Amino acid sequence: DKLGALEKNAEYAAELTQNHIVSVNGTYQIVDYNSSLTSSWVPMAKAMNADIYLANLSGDVLLCTHRSNCSHKVYGIDKEIIQQVEENGIYTEVGKMGEIYKSSYYTVGVPMYLTDGRVAGVVFASSSAQGLTDFMSEIFKMFLLSALVMMVVTFALVYIVTGNLVRPLQEMVKATESFAKGDFTVRVPVNERDEIGKLSMAFNNMATSLAQQETVRRSFIANVSHELKTPMTAIIGYADTLLTVRLTPERQEKALIYIENECRRLSRLSMKMLELTGLYEASEDSFNPAEIQVDNFLKEVKELIDCRLQEKNISLDVFCEPKELVKKFDQDLMISVVTNLIDNAVKASRKESKIVLEATPDHLMVQDFGKGIPKEDLEMVTEPFYMVDKSRSRAKGSVGLGLSLCQKIIELHDFQLKIESNPGKGTTVSVFW
């Protein structure tokens, strides 16, 4: 390397200088250094593009190949540098040698020994480090450029990645604002399978659920409004007639009977709605399952529904097998289920027909032999206010909430409801427990 080459030249210059040292009156001095030494040093200095100079132990420069305006002789060498050469046998530096140079130089200093082994002076060789400075400058520039490029690339990547992460969240915010306005049709695009993608899928599922609930809510309100409006309109009409028109006793009685029937239907509607609402808001405290003796339970149901059966002279055949069958359920809620199922069976049955109520370890069954339910209506009969034959159902006092109420109670018990029907032959409703 550069310092190694300078060291070899400095050592060679020191050997040449030793040959020109003589003793005069007991002291050592250099003889003929202006001619012989200079002519020996100059070729080496030119070959290395370097300065070669000699300093005594006081730091005074005695000889230098750099003849014009020699700053070496003007400033001299720091004594600390001379001491380092004496102690270590060499000195190296990449710098300005104190104030000698205006820019960085490679410098090597080696001792010049006397015949008795003492150090008489130090020979230095210095060469410009401008190439290194330029190289370091270029390296620094490349580093700055690379750092700038990396920063730009990093910011671009961060912008892209952050944008990809934030964009779905921004779309969710917009969708949420739409939900607040009642629009549940907005969906968030799912482009990835990462956590954000899973969140987007969950958000869309929530939106679908909200849309379904909103549809049910609107349908529920519309149906309630219709169910309330129809009898109320009739009641108001008959009441106005009774107040303003002179009717025969027979027509008055007929109007009053109609008003009474419609009021009772409104009462049933209110009770059904309260029951259904209560089930949707049911807590653990209001749900009390217990071990129930099924045979006794069926007998109690038969007593409760007996008056309804007598209206159409319909018989109810009750079977429980085995007699000692015990099941765990909320008795009050299950009474509501069975009485609703039997009431529906009564409405669908002809006079003087029969209904079967049967309990087994697997299921509880209510079977009628009436008109049945069309296949296309089977999947909808548990929806609130859904009625297969709306005109006849309303005429019979139905409001379309019975099976919806049953379905909710059965779900609360973790039971399953199954409805099978053969139009013209009857319907079988089974509760699997």
Protein backbone atom coordinates (compact mmCIF):
# COMPACT_ATOMS: atom_id res chain seq x y z
CA ASP A 1 0.00 0.00 0.00
CA LYS A 2 0.97 3.68 -0.03
CA LEU A 3 2.32 3.82 3.52
CA GLY A 4 4.36 0.65 2.99
CA ALA A 5 6.03 2.08 -0.13
CA LEU A 6 6.80 5.32 1.66
CA GLU A 7 8.30 3.38 4.56
CA LYS A 8 10.68 1.48 2.27
CA ASN A 9 11.80 4.70 0.56
CA ALA A 10 12.27 6.45 3.91
CA GLU A 11 14.40 3.53 5.20
CA TYR A 12 16.51 3.58 2.02
CA ALA A 13 16.98 7.34 2.35
CA ALA A 14 18.03 6.84 5.99
CA GLU A 15 20.70 4.27 4.94
CA LEU A 16 22.09 6.67 2.34
CA THR A 17 22.17 9.48 4.87
CA GLN A 18 24.10 7.39 7.40
CA ASN A 19 26.99 7.14 4.91
CA HIS A 20 27.32 10.95 4.92
CA ILE A 21 27.62 11.36 8.66
CA VAL A 22 31.17 12.07 9.98
CA SER A 23 32.58 13.07 13.32
CA VAL A 24 34.00 16.57 13.51
CA ASN A 25 35.61 17.64 16.79
CA GLY A 26 33.67 14.99 18.65
CA THR A 27 30.25 15.82 17.13
CA TYR A 28 28.34 14.27 14.26
CA GLN A 29 27.40 16.20 11.17
CA ILE A 30 26.18 15.49 7.64
CA VAL A 31 28.78 16.01 4.94
CA ASP A 32 27.94 17.17 1.39
CA TYR A 33 24.21 16.68 1.78
CA ASN A 34 23.38 19.43 -0.69
CA SER A 35 24.82 17.51 -3.61
CA SER A 36 25.09 13.79 -3.02
CA LEU A 37 22.09 13.32 -0.77
CA THR A 38 19.83 15.47 -2.87
CA SER A 39 20.83 13.69 -6.06
CA SER A 40 20.08 10.35 -4.32
CA TRP A 41 16.79 11.39 -2.80
CA VAL A 42 15.28 13.25 -5.71
CA PRO A 43 14.76 10.22 -8.02
CA MET A 44 13.01 8.35 -5.22
CA ALA A 45 10.89 11.36 -4.40
CA LYS A 46 9.86 11.83 -8.03
CA ALA A 47 9.12 8.15 -8.47
CA MET A 48 6.82 8.22 -5.46
CA ASN A 49 5.57 11.77 -6.12
CA ALA A 50 6.63 12.40 -2.55
CA ASP A 51 8.66 14.72 -0.34
CA ILE A 52 11.65 13.26 1.51
CA TYR A 53 13.07 15.32 4.34
CA LEU A 54 15.45 14.93 7.28
CA ALA A 55 14.89 16.35 10.76
CA ASN A 56 17.17 16.36 13.78
CA LEU A 57 16.02 15.39 17.24
CA SER A 58 14.94 18.93 17.93
CA GLY A 59 12.50 18.84 15.03
CA ASP A 60 14.49 21.17 12.73
CA VAL A 61 14.34 20.13 9.07
CA LEU A 62 17.92 19.95 7.73
CA LEU A 63 17.38 18.63 4.25
CA CYS A 64 14.34 18.39 1.92
CA THR A 65 13.73 17.45 -1.70
CA HIS A 66 11.02 20.10 -1.87
CA ARG A 67 13.41 23.04 -2.48
CA SER A 68 11.11 25.92 -3.47
CA ASN A 69 9.16 27.53 -0.66
CA CYS A 70 9.88 24.60 1.62
CA SER A 71 7.30 24.69 4.38
CA HIS A 72 9.05 21.78 6.12
CA LYS A 73 11.96 24.02 7.17
CA VAL A 74 9.62 26.89 8.03
CA TYR A 75 7.35 24.98 10.44
CA GLY A 76 9.59 22.11 11.52
CA ILE A 77 8.46 18.85 13.05
CA ASP A 78 6.60 18.54 16.36
CA LYS A 79 8.81 17.08 19.09
CA GLU A 80 6.07 14.61 19.98
CA ILE A 81 6.42 13.06 16.51
CA ILE A 82 10.22 12.79 16.98
CA GLN A 83 9.67 11.13 20.37
CA GLN A 84 7.26 8.58 18.86
CA VAL A 85 9.90 7.63 16.26
CA GLU A 86 12.54 7.21 18.98
CA GLU A 87 10.21 5.08 21.13
CA ASN A 88 8.44 2.99 18.43
CA GLY A 89 11.03 2.94 15.62
CA ILE A 90 8.46 4.35 13.12
CA TYR A 91 5.79 7.01 12.70
CA THR A 92 2.85 6.93 10.31
CA GLU A 93 0.17 9.52 9.66
CA VAL A 94 -2.52 10.48 7.21
CA GLY A 95 -2.87 14.16 7.91
CA LYS A 96 -1.26 17.57 7.59
CA MET A 97 1.87 17.06 9.74
CA GLY A 98 0.89 19.92 11.96
CA GLU A 99 0.87 23.02 9.74
CA ILE A 100 3.23 21.82 7.03
CA TYR A 101 0.56 20.70 4.51
CA LYS A 102 -2.73 22.31 3.58
CA SER A 103 -4.38 18.99 2.76
CA SER A 104 -4.02 15.39 3.89
CA TYR A 105 -0.73 13.55 3.18
CA TYR A 106 0.50 10.03 3.79
CA THR A 107 3.60 10.40 6.01
CA VAL A 108 6.10 7.82 7.29
CA GLY A 109 9.01 8.65 9.56
CA VAL A 110 11.93 6.26 10.30
CA PRO A 111 14.93 6.79 12.57
CA MET A 112 18.45 7.34 11.26
CA TYR A 113 20.97 5.55 13.52
CA LEU A 114 24.63 6.28 14.31
CA THR A 115 27.27 3.60 14.38
CA ASP A 116 26.85 3.27 18.15
CA GLY A 117 23.11 2.66 17.75
CA ARG A 118 21.91 6.07 18.85
CA VAL A 119 19.28 7.96 16.89
CA ALA A 120 20.78 10.93 15.14
CA GLY A 121 17.68 12.11 13.28
CA VAL A 122 14.51 11.12 11.49
CA VAL A 123 13.90 10.70 7.77
CA PHE A 124 10.32 11.43 6.62
CA ALA A 125 8.58 10.57 3.36
CA SER A 126 5.25 12.27 2.58
CA SER A 127 2.94 11.86 -0.40
CA SER A 128 -0.38 13.56 -1.12
CA ALA A 129 -3.50 11.71 0.04
CA GLN A 130 -5.66 13.68 -2.33
CA GLY A 131 -6.57 10.45 -4.14
CA LEU A 132 -7.78 8.97 -0.86
CA THR A 133 -9.63 12.18 -0.07
CA ASP A 134 -11.26 12.14 -3.47
CA PHE A 135 -12.04 8.46 -3.04
CA MET A 136 -13.56 9.03 0.40
CA SER A 137 -15.44 11.99 -1.01
CA GLU A 138 -16.85 9.81 -3.80
CA ILE A 139 -17.70 7.09 -1.29
CA PHE A 140 -19.46 9.68 0.86
CA LYS A 141 -21.36 10.99 -2.13
CA MET A 142 -22.35 7.45 -3.11
CA PHE A 143 -23.43 6.82 0.46
CA LEU A 144 -25.55 9.96 0.49
CA LEU A 145 -27.05 9.09 -2.88
CA SER A 146 -27.73 5.50 -1.78
CA ALA A 147 -29.24 6.75 1.49
CA LEU A 148 -31.43 9.19 -0.44
CA VAL A 149 -32.56 6.46 -2.85
CA MET A 150 -33.25 4.10 0.04
CA MET A 151 -35.23 6.79 1.84
CA VAL A 152 -37.30 7.46 -1.27
CA VAL A 153 -37.87 3.72 -1.83
CA THR A 154 -38.67 3.21 1.86
CA PHE A 155 -41.14 6.09 1.92
CA ALA A 156 -42.74 4.77 -1.27
CA LEU A 157 -43.05 1.26 0.17
CA VAL A 158 -44.38 2.60 3.48
CA TYR A 159 -46.89 4.73 1.58
CA ILE A 160 -48.04 1.76 -0.51
CA VAL A 161 -48.19 -0.68 2.42
CA THR A 162 -49.85 1.86 4.70
CA GLY A 163 -52.30 2.72 1.95
CA ASN A 164 -53.18 -0.96 1.51
CA LEU A 165 -53.67 -1.29 5.27
CA VAL A 166 -55.61 1.93 5.76
CA ARG A 167 -57.78 1.75 2.62
CA PRO A 168 -60.02 -1.09 3.91
CA LEU A 169 -60.38 0.73 7.23
CA GLN A 170 -61.38 3.92 5.41
CA GLU A 171 -63.92 1.94 3.39
CA MET A 172 -65.24 0.45 6.63
CA VAL A 173 -65.65 3.95 8.05
CA LYS A 174 -67.61 5.00 4.95
CA ALA A 175 -69.70 1.84 5.16
CA THR A 176 -70.40 2.51 8.85
CA GLU A 177 -71.58 6.01 7.94
CA SER A 178 -73.90 4.44 5.36
CA PHE A 179 -75.20 2.03 8.00
CA ALA A 180 -75.93 4.97 10.27
CA LYS A 181 -78.11 6.38 7.48
CA GLY A 182 -79.97 3.09 7.08
CA ASP A 183 -78.19 1.86 3.95
CA PHE A 184 -76.95 -1.70 4.58
CA THR A 185 -76.09 -2.50 0.94
CA VAL A 186 -72.49 -1.24 1.16
CA ARG A 187 -69.77 -3.91 1.28
CA VAL A 188 -66.00 -3.73 1.82
CA PRO A 189 -63.86 -5.38 -0.92
CA VAL A 190 -61.89 -8.40 0.30
CA ASN A 191 -58.61 -8.55 -1.63
CA GLU A 192 -56.31 -10.32 0.83
CA ARG A 193 -56.42 -13.27 3.18
CA ASP A 194 -54.51 -11.57 6.02
CA GLU A 195 -55.91 -10.11 9.23
CA ILE A 196 -57.32 -7.08 7.39
CA GLY A 197 -58.99 -9.42 4.90
CA LYS A 198 -60.52 -11.44 7.73
CA LEU A 199 -61.72 -8.23 9.35
CA SER A 200 -63.27 -7.15 6.05
CA MET A 201 -65.04 -10.52 5.71
CA ALA A 202 -66.33 -10.26 9.28
CA PHE A 203 -67.47 -6.70 8.57
CA ASN A 204 -69.35 -7.82 5.44
CA ASN A 205 -70.96 -10.68 7.35
CA MET A 206 -72.05 -8.19 9.99
CA ALA A 207 -73.46 -5.93 7.25
CA THR A 208 -75.40 -8.87 5.80
CA SER A 209 -76.75 -9.73 9.23
CA LEU A 210 -77.75 -6.11 9.84
CA ALA A 211 -79.44 -5.97 6.43
CA GLN A 212 -81.41 -9.13 7.23
CA GLN A 213 -82.39 -7.79 10.63
CA GLU A 214 -83.42 -4.49 9.08
CA THR A 215 -85.55 -6.36 6.52
CA VAL A 216 -87.15 -8.40 9.30
CA ARG A 217 -87.69 -5.24 11.36
CA ARG A 218 -89.35 -3.39 8.50
CA SER A 219 -91.45 -6.42 7.62
CA PHE A 220 -92.38 -6.83 11.27
CA ILE A 221 -93.41 -3.18 11.59
CA ALA A 222 -95.33 -3.32 8.31
CA ASN A 223 -97.15 -6.47 9.37
CA VAL A 224 -97.92 -5.11 12.83
CA SER A 225 -99.23 -1.91 11.28
CA HIS A 226 -101.41 -3.90 8.88
CA GLU A 227 -102.67 -6.24 11.57
CA LEU A 228 -103.56 -3.30 13.79
CA LYS A 229 -104.99 -1.11 11.06
CA THR A 230 -107.45 -3.65 9.63
CA PRO A 231 -109.41 -4.42 12.83
CA MET A 232 -109.13 -0.83 14.09
CA THR A 233 -110.64 0.46 10.86
CA ALA A 234 -113.52 -2.00 11.16
CA ILE A 235 -114.05 -1.23 14.85
CA ILE A 236 -114.11 2.53 14.19
CA GLY A 237 -116.49 2.02 11.26
CA TYR A 238 -118.96 -0.09 13.27
CA ALA A 239 -118.69 2.24 16.25
CA ASP A 240 -119.50 5.26 14.05
CA THR A 241 -122.45 3.33 12.58
CA LEU A 242 -123.80 2.53 16.02
CA LEU A 243 -123.49 6.18 17.03
CA THR A 244 -124.97 7.77 13.92
CA VAL A 245 -127.37 5.26 12.37
CA ARG A 246 -130.51 3.73 13.82
CA LEU A 247 -130.06 -0.03 13.46
CA THR A 248 -132.37 -2.88 14.19
CA PRO A 249 -131.55 -4.82 17.35
CA GLU A 250 -130.31 -7.70 15.21
CA ARG A 251 -127.90 -5.49 13.26
CA GLN A 252 -126.76 -3.75 16.44
CA GLU A 253 -126.00 -7.12 18.01
CA LYS A 254 -124.12 -8.20 14.89
CA ALA A 255 -122.04 -4.99 14.94
CA LEU A 256 -121.25 -5.37 18.62
CA ILE A 257 -120.26 -9.01 18.15
CA TYR A 258 -117.90 -8.00 15.32
CA ILE A 259 -116.38 -5.26 17.48
CA GLU A 260 -115.93 -7.74 20.33
CA ASN A 261 -114.27 -10.31 18.07
CA GLU A 262 -111.88 -7.74 16.59
CA CYS A 263 -111.00 -6.43 20.05
CA ARG A 264 -110.24 -9.97 21.19
CA ARG A 265 -108.06 -10.50 18.12
CA LEU A 266 -106.19 -7.29 18.92
CA SER A 267 -105.74 -8.53 22.47
CA ARG A 268 -104.35 -11.85 21.22
CA LEU A 269 -102.04 -10.01 18.83
CA SER A 270 -100.74 -7.83 21.67
CA MET A 271 -100.15 -10.82 23.91
CA LYS A 272 -98.35 -12.76 21.17
CA MET A 273 -96.13 -9.79 20.40
CA LEU A 274 -95.30 -9.32 24.08
CA GLU A 275 -94.44 -13.01 24.42
CA LEU A 276 -92.26 -12.96 21.31
CA THR A 277 -90.50 -9.76 22.37
CA GLY A 278 -89.95 -11.17 25.83
CA LEU A 279 -88.34 -14.29 24.37
CA TYR A 280 -85.92 -12.24 22.26
CA GLU A 281 -84.94 -10.34 25.38
CA ALA A 282 -85.01 -13.40 27.65
CA SER A 283 -82.28 -13.67 30.25
CA GLU A 284 -80.99 -16.68 32.13
CA ASP A 285 -83.15 -15.70 35.11
CA SER A 286 -86.37 -15.94 33.07
CA PHE A 287 -85.50 -19.33 31.55
CA ASN A 288 -86.00 -22.09 34.12
CA PRO A 289 -85.67 -25.63 32.74
CA ALA A 290 -86.39 -28.47 35.14
CA GLU A 291 -86.94 -32.24 35.11
CA ILE A 292 -90.60 -32.67 34.06
CA GLN A 293 -92.75 -35.81 34.13
CA VAL A 294 -93.99 -35.76 30.52
CA ASP A 295 -97.22 -37.76 31.01
CA ASN A 296 -98.50 -35.32 33.64
CA PHE A 297 -97.40 -32.42 31.44
CA LEU A 298 -99.50 -33.70 28.50
CA LYS A 299 -102.55 -34.15 30.74
CA GLU A 300 -102.24 -30.55 31.91
CA VAL A 301 -102.01 -29.36 28.30
CA LYS A 302 -105.15 -31.32 27.42
CA GLU A 303 -107.09 -29.66 30.23
CA LEU A 304 -105.97 -26.21 29.11
CA ILE A 305 -106.95 -26.77 25.45
CA ASP A 306 -110.19 -28.71 26.13
CA CYS A 307 -112.51 -25.73 25.61
CA ARG A 308 -110.87 -24.96 22.27
CA LEU A 309 -111.36 -28.56 21.16
CA GLN A 310 -115.05 -28.55 22.12
CA GLU A 311 -115.74 -25.56 19.85
CA LYS A 312 -115.32 -27.85 16.82
CA ASN A 313 -116.08 -31.12 18.58
CA ILE A 314 -112.51 -32.35 17.95
CA SER A 315 -111.03 -35.17 19.99
CA LEU A 316 -107.43 -35.15 21.25
CA ASP A 317 -105.70 -38.53 21.55
CA VAL A 318 -102.77 -38.33 23.98
CA PHE A 319 -99.99 -40.92 24.10
CA CYS A 320 -96.87 -41.00 26.27
CA GLU A 321 -94.44 -43.87 25.90
CA PRO A 322 -93.06 -44.75 28.34
CA LYS A 323 -95.39 -43.44 31.03
CA GLU A 324 -92.50 -42.60 33.35
CA LEU A 325 -90.76 -40.49 30.62
CA VAL A 326 -88.93 -37.49 32.09
CA LYS A 327 -87.47 -34.56 30.10
CA LYS A 328 -85.79 -31.31 31.08
CA PHE A 329 -87.46 -28.10 29.85
CA ASP A 330 -89.16 -24.89 30.98
CA GLN A 331 -92.73 -26.05 31.64
CA ASP A 332 -94.44 -22.69 31.11
CA LEU A 333 -92.69 -22.08 27.80
CA MET A 334 -93.32 -25.61 26.53
CA ILE A 335 -97.00 -25.33 27.45
CA SER A 336 -97.10 -22.27 25.20
CA VAL A 337 -95.49 -24.32 22.40
CA VAL A 338 -97.85 -27.29 22.62
CA THR A 339 -101.03 -25.20 23.01
CA ASN A 340 -100.03 -23.11 19.98
CA LEU A 341 -99.40 -26.24 17.92
CA ILE A 342 -102.75 -27.75 18.95
CA ASP A 343 -104.53 -24.44 18.27
CA ASN A 344 -103.07 -24.42 14.74
CA ALA A 345 -104.16 -28.04 14.30
CA VAL A 346 -107.70 -27.15 15.39
CA LYS A 347 -107.86 -24.33 12.83
CA ALA A 348 -106.72 -26.68 10.06
CA SER A 349 -109.04 -29.57 11.06
CA ARG A 350 -112.61 -30.31 10.10
CA LYS A 351 -115.32 -30.61 12.71
CA GLU A 352 -115.60 -33.91 14.54
CA SER A 353 -112.07 -34.95 13.47
CA LYS A 354 -109.20 -35.80 15.78
CA ILE A 355 -105.72 -34.59 16.73
CA VAL A 356 -102.90 -36.79 18.08
CA LEU A 357 -100.52 -35.58 20.80
CA GLU A 358 -97.70 -38.04 21.33
CA ALA A 359 -94.48 -38.03 23.39
CA THR A 360 -91.54 -40.45 23.05
CA PRO A 361 -87.94 -40.34 24.32
CA ASP A 362 -86.95 -38.76 20.97
CA HIS A 363 -89.69 -36.27 20.24
CA LEU A 364 -92.98 -34.59 21.03
CA MET A 365 -95.49 -34.69 18.16
CA VAL A 366 -98.77 -32.92 17.25
CA GLN A 367 -100.58 -34.46 14.28
CA ASP A 368 -103.78 -33.34 12.60
CA PHE A 369 -105.71 -34.70 9.60
CA GLY A 370 -106.82 -31.40 8.15
CA LYS A 371 -106.13 -29.49 4.94
CA GLY A 372 -102.30 -29.47 5.25
CA ILE A 373 -99.72 -26.89 4.18
CA PRO A 374 -98.51 -26.41 0.56
CA LYS A 375 -94.88 -27.37 0.03
CA GLU A 376 -93.85 -23.86 -1.03
CA ASP A 377 -95.09 -22.44 2.30
CA LEU A 378 -93.41 -24.93 4.64
CA GLU A 379 -90.12 -23.02 4.92
CA MET A 380 -91.89 -19.72 5.70
CA VAL A 381 -94.51 -20.74 8.26
CA THR A 382 -92.21 -19.95 11.24
CA GLU A 383 -91.64 -16.36 10.06
CA PRO A 384 -93.49 -13.70 12.11
CA PHE A 385 -96.92 -12.81 10.63
CA TYR A 386 -96.62 -15.38 7.84
CA MET A 387 -99.98 -17.04 7.10
CA VAL A 388 -100.64 -19.64 4.43
CA ASP A 389 -104.20 -18.43 3.76
CA LYS A 390 -104.32 -14.84 4.96
CA SER A 391 -108.04 -14.23 4.44
CA ARG A 392 -109.21 -17.40 6.19
CA SER A 393 -106.56 -17.11 8.92
CA ARG A 394 -107.67 -13.61 9.83
CA ALA A 395 -111.28 -14.71 9.76
CA LYS A 396 -110.38 -17.39 12.31
CA GLY A 397 -108.51 -14.90 14.52
CA SER A 398 -104.98 -15.88 13.51
CA VAL A 399 -102.20 -13.26 13.55
CA GLY A 400 -99.34 -15.39 12.20
CA LEU A 401 -97.16 -15.32 15.33
CA GLY A 402 -97.85 -18.75 16.84
CA LEU A 403 -95.25 -20.82 15.02
CA SER A 404 -92.71 -17.98 15.23
CA LEU A 405 -93.19 -18.02 18.98
CA CYS A 406 -92.81 -21.82 19.06
CA GLN A 407 -89.64 -21.67 16.97
CA LYS A 408 -88.01 -19.18 19.36
CA ILE A 409 -88.92 -21.22 22.45
CA ILE A 410 -87.57 -24.40 20.86
CA GLU A 411 -84.30 -22.66 19.92
CA LEU A 412 -84.02 -21.43 23.50
CA HIS A 413 -84.13 -25.09 24.64
CA ASP A 414 -81.66 -26.22 21.96
CA PHE A 415 -84.42 -28.46 20.56
CA GLN A 416 -85.30 -28.85 16.88
CA LEU A 417 -88.62 -28.19 15.11
CA LYS A 418 -89.67 -30.26 12.10
CA ILE A 419 -92.85 -29.71 10.09
CA GLU A 420 -94.16 -32.31 7.61
CA SER A 421 -97.36 -31.82 5.67
CA ASN A 422 -99.38 -33.50 2.97
CA PRO A 423 -101.95 -31.10 1.46
CA GLY A 424 -105.47 -32.49 1.91
CA LYS A 425 -104.31 -35.13 4.41
CA GLY A 426 -102.86 -33.26 7.35
CA THR A 427 -99.76 -31.91 9.09
CA THR A 428 -97.31 -33.34 11.61
CA VAL A 429 -95.22 -30.99 13.78
CA SER A 430 -92.43 -32.65 15.75
CA VAL A 431 -90.22 -31.21 18.48
CA PHE A 432 -87.01 -33.26 18.82
CA TRP A 433 -85.64 -32.96 22.36
